[in-house]
Amino acid sequence: MEIEEKKLREFFDELNHDFNCPICRNNKTIILTTVKELPCAIDTGVGMEPLISVVCKNCGYTWYFNAKTAGLLDEAEKGSDDK
């Protein structure tokens, strides 16, 4: 699954946050449009959580943002495990 780059940029622009790497302090990052699904056991048990990655171009440190929580997924993409 992919999220449009425009939609991602709008989300991160609204955060108004500089993505300086906490490891190497570099400010050059890549926002990946491909959603990664990882198993997660938060609140309701084990399920798959859709994550967006932001990667430091210098050292490779990676931040993950939950695409569902951030409102980046359409209703059809959210899955049937939502409550």
Protein backbone atom coordinates (compact mmCIF):
# COMPACT_ATOMS: atom_id res chain seq x y z
CA MET A 1 0.00 0.00 0.00
CA GLU A 2 1.25 3.51 -0.78
CA ILE A 3 0.25 6.96 0.40
CA GLU A 4 0.43 9.90 -2.00
CA GLU A 5 3.54 12.02 -1.50
CA LYS A 6 1.40 15.18 -1.47
CA LYS A 7 -0.70 13.83 1.41
CA LEU A 8 2.45 12.93 3.37
CA ARG A 9 4.02 16.34 2.79
CA GLU A 10 0.85 18.07 4.01
CA PHE A 11 0.83 15.93 7.16
CA PHE A 12 4.49 16.63 7.98
CA ASP A 13 4.13 20.34 7.11
CA GLU A 14 1.27 20.57 9.64
CA LEU A 15 3.55 19.09 12.32
CA ASN A 16 5.92 22.01 11.69
CA HIS A 17 8.84 19.91 12.89
CA ASP A 18 12.44 19.88 11.68
CA PHE A 19 13.57 16.32 11.21
CA ASN A 20 17.08 16.57 12.57
CA CYS A 21 18.34 13.06 13.21
CA PRO A 22 18.66 12.37 16.95
CA ILE A 23 21.71 10.21 16.24
CA CYS A 24 23.89 12.21 13.80
CA ARG A 25 22.03 15.59 13.83
CA ASN A 26 21.82 15.59 10.00
CA ASN A 27 18.69 17.29 8.59
CA LYS A 28 18.48 15.43 5.28
CA THR A 29 15.70 12.85 5.40
CA ILE A 30 13.60 10.74 3.05
CA ILE A 31 9.88 10.17 3.64
CA LEU A 32 8.93 6.78 2.21
CA THR A 33 5.49 6.54 0.61
CA THR A 34 5.20 2.77 1.05
CA VAL A 35 3.27 1.72 4.14
CA LYS A 36 4.94 -1.01 6.20
CA GLU A 37 2.70 -3.22 8.31
CA LEU A 38 4.18 -4.48 11.54
CA PRO A 39 2.61 -6.63 14.25
CA CYS A 40 1.59 -4.60 17.25
CA ALA A 41 -0.10 -5.38 20.55
CA ILE A 42 -1.50 -2.07 21.73
CA ASP A 43 -4.80 -1.86 23.65
CA THR A 44 -6.83 -4.49 21.80
CA GLY A 45 -4.32 -7.30 21.37
CA VAL A 46 -2.17 -8.31 18.46
CA GLY A 47 -2.86 -6.76 15.07
CA MET A 48 -1.08 -5.16 12.15
CA GLU A 49 -0.26 -1.47 12.34
CA PRO A 50 0.40 0.58 9.16
CA LEU A 51 3.59 2.62 9.53
CA ILE A 52 5.20 5.40 7.50
CA SER A 53 9.00 5.66 7.61
CA VAL A 54 11.20 8.75 7.71
CA VAL A 55 14.86 7.83 7.12
CA CYS A 56 18.04 9.85 7.76
CA LYS A 57 20.08 9.97 4.55
CA ASN A 58 23.33 10.14 6.52
CA CYS A 59 23.21 7.36 9.13
CA GLY A 60 19.99 5.48 8.28
CA TYR A 61 18.20 6.14 11.57
CA THR A 62 14.47 5.57 10.98
CA TRP A 63 11.39 7.16 12.58
CA TYR A 64 8.00 5.45 12.27
CA PHE A 65 4.61 7.17 12.24
CA ASN A 66 1.36 5.24 12.54
CA ALA A 67 -0.50 6.05 9.31
CA LYS A 68 -3.88 5.17 10.82
CA THR A 69 -3.44 7.41 13.87
CA ALA A 70 -2.13 10.23 11.65
CA GLY A 71 -5.26 10.04 9.48
CA LEU A 72 -3.30 9.21 6.33
CA LEU A 73 -5.36 6.18 5.32
CA ASP A 74 -8.68 6.10 3.51
CA GLU A 75 -11.48 4.22 5.31
CA ALA A 76 -11.10 1.19 3.01
CA GLU A 77 -7.38 0.96 3.82
CA LYS A 78 -7.81 1.08 7.60
CA GLY A 79 -8.83 -2.57 7.85
CA SER A 80 -11.58 -4.41 9.61
CA ASP A 81 -9.87 -4.53 13.02
CA ASP A 82 -10.69 -0.88 13.84
CA LYS A 83 -13.08 -0.20 16.71
